[in-house]
Amino acid sequence: MFRHAMNVVLGPKYETQMITGRFTVAGVFCSKCGEELGWKYIQAHNMKNTWKEGKFVLEELKMLQPY
């Protein structure tokens, strides 16, 4: 989980149910190629998960390019 991410754009917000609870999230996309890299927590719907708000989850395999 990251506080900041560079060279990304956010998609539209949507509601989702995850293992840890219900959240409003937005997809995170590469600003150059448009590949989806992960998501950003916008809002937690229960108090115990509010620490995740504003943080990014980026999938490592989608950020690495094979050479």
Protein backbone atom coordinates (compact mmCIF):
# COMPACT_ATOMS: atom_id res chain seq x y z
CA MET A 1 0.00 0.00 0.00
CA PHE A 2 1.32 3.43 -0.95
CA ARG A 3 0.44 6.98 0.04
CA HIS A 4 1.56 8.44 -3.30
CA ALA A 5 1.70 7.15 -6.86
CA MET A 6 3.21 8.90 -9.87
CA ASN A 7 2.37 8.73 -13.59
CA VAL A 8 -1.09 7.31 -12.95
CA VAL A 9 -4.65 8.45 -13.57
CA LEU A 10 -7.75 7.47 -11.63
CA GLY A 11 -10.83 5.91 -13.14
CA PRO A 12 -14.40 6.45 -11.93
CA LYS A 13 -15.33 5.66 -8.34
CA TYR A 14 -17.30 2.52 -7.55
CA GLU A 15 -18.47 0.53 -4.53
CA THR A 16 -16.94 -2.89 -3.86
CA GLN A 17 -17.07 -5.56 -1.19
CA MET A 18 -13.62 -6.82 -0.20
CA ILE A 19 -12.56 -9.38 2.38
CA THR A 20 -11.91 -6.61 4.93
CA GLY A 21 -15.18 -4.74 4.30
CA ARG A 22 -17.05 -2.45 1.95
CA PHE A 23 -15.19 0.40 0.23
CA THR A 24 -15.53 3.10 -2.38
CA VAL A 25 -12.51 2.72 -4.68
CA ALA A 26 -11.22 4.05 -7.99
CA GLY A 27 -9.16 2.13 -10.53
CA VAL A 28 -5.55 3.26 -11.02
CA PHE A 29 -4.25 3.30 -14.60
CA CYS A 30 -0.86 4.00 -16.19
CA SER A 31 -0.90 7.52 -17.64
CA LYS A 32 1.20 6.39 -20.62
CA CYS A 33 -0.28 3.06 -21.78
CA GLY A 34 -3.61 2.97 -19.91
CA GLU A 35 -2.96 -0.44 -18.30
CA GLU A 36 -4.88 -0.97 -15.05
CA LEU A 37 -2.35 -1.21 -12.21
CA GLY A 38 -4.53 -1.46 -9.11
CA TRP A 39 -6.91 0.73 -7.13
CA LYS A 40 -7.11 3.63 -4.68
CA TYR A 41 -9.22 3.50 -1.53
CA ILE A 42 -11.49 6.53 -1.58
CA GLN A 43 -13.75 5.78 1.40
CA ALA A 44 -14.11 2.98 3.94
CA HIS A 45 -17.66 2.20 5.07
CA ASN A 46 -16.65 1.11 8.57
CA MET A 47 -14.48 2.89 11.13
CA LYS A 48 -11.83 0.17 11.55
CA ASN A 49 -10.71 0.54 7.90
CA THR A 50 -10.52 4.32 7.64
CA TRP A 51 -6.70 4.14 7.80
CA LYS A 52 -6.80 2.81 4.21
CA GLU A 53 -8.52 5.90 2.81
CA GLY A 54 -6.40 7.75 0.25
CA LYS A 55 -3.92 4.89 -0.17
CA PHE A 56 -3.01 3.07 -3.38
CA VAL A 57 -2.73 -0.67 -3.99
CA LEU A 58 -0.58 -1.42 -7.03
CA GLU A 59 -0.09 -4.91 -8.40
CA GLU A 60 3.65 -5.51 -8.74
CA LEU A 61 3.40 -7.84 -11.73
CA LYS A 62 1.52 -5.21 -13.74
CA MET A 63 4.23 -2.59 -13.14
CA LEU A 64 7.19 -4.68 -14.28
CA GLN A 65 8.03 -4.98 -17.96
CA PRO A 66 9.86 -8.06 -19.24
CA TYR A 67 13.13 -7.20 -20.98
